[in-house]
Amino acid sequence: MSDDDLIELRREIHRHPEPAGQERRTAALVAAALRAIAVGVEAMAGFLRARSEAL
């Protein structure tokens, strides 16, 4: 993931703000970005916990 990709992800998240504790779209975007760089993701209750696939 390039710097430009991260900047676009940040911009996309900020274009569609969500109430605290209800960040479903944000969580989905971040989860997809992490999967794209081969990081396992669990989305739970409006926040993300990431862990390496190697663990």
C-alpha atoms as a PDB file:
ATOM      1  CA  MET A   1       0.000   0.000   0.000  1.00  0.00           C
ATOM      2  CA  SER A   2       1.512   3.263  -1.106  1.00  0.00           C
ATOM      3  CA  ASP A   3       1.441   6.607   0.663  1.00  0.00           C
ATOM      4  CA  ASP A   4      -1.093   7.771  -1.927  1.00  0.00           C
ATOM      5  CA  ASP A   5      -3.319   4.776  -1.092  1.00  0.00           C
ATOM      6  CA  LEU A   6      -3.211   5.629   2.617  1.00  0.00           C
ATOM      7  CA  ILE A   7      -4.002   9.263   1.916  1.00  0.00           C
ATOM      8  CA  GLU A   8      -6.986   8.246  -0.222  1.00  0.00           C
ATOM      9  CA  LEU A   9      -8.190   5.855   2.508  1.00  0.00           C
ATOM     10  CA  ARG A  10      -8.032   8.674   5.076  1.00  0.00           C
ATOM     11  CA  ARG A  11      -9.886  11.020   2.748  1.00  0.00           C
ATOM     12  CA  GLU A  12     -12.562   8.415   2.037  1.00  0.00           C
ATOM     13  CA  ILE A  13     -13.099   7.814   5.763  1.00  0.00           C
ATOM     14  CA  HIS A  14     -13.396  11.544   6.434  1.00  0.00           C
ATOM     15  CA  ARG A  15     -15.828  12.061   3.532  1.00  0.00           C
ATOM     16  CA  HIS A  16     -18.312   9.807   5.351  1.00  0.00           C
ATOM     17  CA  PRO A  17     -18.066  10.452   9.113  1.00  0.00           C
ATOM     18  CA  GLU A  18     -19.861   8.008  11.420  1.00  0.00           C
ATOM     19  CA  PRO A  19     -20.980   8.401  15.042  1.00  0.00           C
ATOM     20  CA  ALA A  20     -18.636   7.051  17.706  1.00  0.00           C
ATOM     21  CA  GLY A  21     -19.254   3.372  18.315  1.00  0.00           C
ATOM     22  CA  GLN A  22     -21.005   2.965  14.947  1.00  0.00           C
ATOM     23  CA  GLU A  23     -18.031   3.010  12.586  1.00  0.00           C
ATOM     24  CA  ARG A  24     -19.160   0.071  10.454  1.00  0.00           C
ATOM     25  CA  ARG A  25     -18.185   1.564   7.094  1.00  0.00           C
ATOM     26  CA  THR A  26     -14.882   2.797   8.485  1.00  0.00           C
ATOM     27  CA  ALA A  27     -14.177  -0.631   9.985  1.00  0.00           C
ATOM     28  CA  ALA A  28     -14.923  -2.307   6.652  1.00  0.00           C
ATOM     29  CA  LEU A  29     -12.618   0.063   4.760  1.00  0.00           C
ATOM     30  CA  VAL A  30      -9.771  -0.412   7.219  1.00  0.00           C
ATOM     31  CA  ALA A  31     -10.290  -4.194   7.290  1.00  0.00           C
ATOM     32  CA  ALA A  32     -10.107  -4.339   3.495  1.00  0.00           C
ATOM     33  CA  ALA A  33      -6.930  -2.244   3.490  1.00  0.00           C
ATOM     34  CA  LEU A  34      -5.321  -4.496   6.101  1.00  0.00           C
ATOM     35  CA  ARG A  35      -6.309  -7.647   4.206  1.00  0.00           C
ATOM     36  CA  ALA A  36      -4.740  -6.130   1.086  1.00  0.00           C
ATOM     37  CA  ILE A  37      -1.385  -6.066   2.888  1.00  0.00           C
ATOM     38  CA  ALA A  38      -1.922  -9.566   4.337  1.00  0.00           C
ATOM     39  CA  VAL A  39      -2.795  -8.615   7.917  1.00  0.00           C
ATOM     40  CA  GLY A  40      -5.584 -10.642   9.561  1.00  0.00           C
ATOM     41  CA  VAL A  41      -8.439  -8.592  10.965  1.00  0.00           C
ATOM     42  CA  GLU A  42     -11.314  -9.088  13.393  1.00  0.00           C
ATOM     43  CA  ALA A  43     -13.959  -6.342  13.461  1.00  0.00           C
ATOM     44  CA  MET A  44     -15.747  -6.191  16.834  1.00  0.00           C
ATOM     45  CA  ALA A  45     -18.152  -3.608  18.305  1.00  0.00           C
ATOM     46  CA  GLY A  46     -17.075  -0.680  16.132  1.00  0.00           C
ATOM     47  CA  PHE A  47     -13.295  -1.127  16.459  1.00  0.00           C
ATOM     48  CA  LEU A  48     -10.628  -3.251  14.861  1.00  0.00           C
ATOM     49  CA  ARG A  49      -8.087  -5.588  16.335  1.00  0.00           C
ATOM     50  CA  ALA A  50      -5.372  -6.581  13.885  1.00  0.00           C
ATOM     51  CA  ARG A  51      -2.938  -9.438  14.231  1.00  0.00           C
ATOM     52  CA  SER A  52      -0.307 -10.878  12.029  1.00  0.00           C
ATOM     53  CA  GLU A  53      -1.297 -13.995  10.069  1.00  0.00           C
ATOM     54  CA  ALA A  54       1.927 -15.546  11.329  1.00  0.00           C
ATOM     55  CA  LEU A  55       0.767 -15.559  14.966  1.00  0.00           C
END
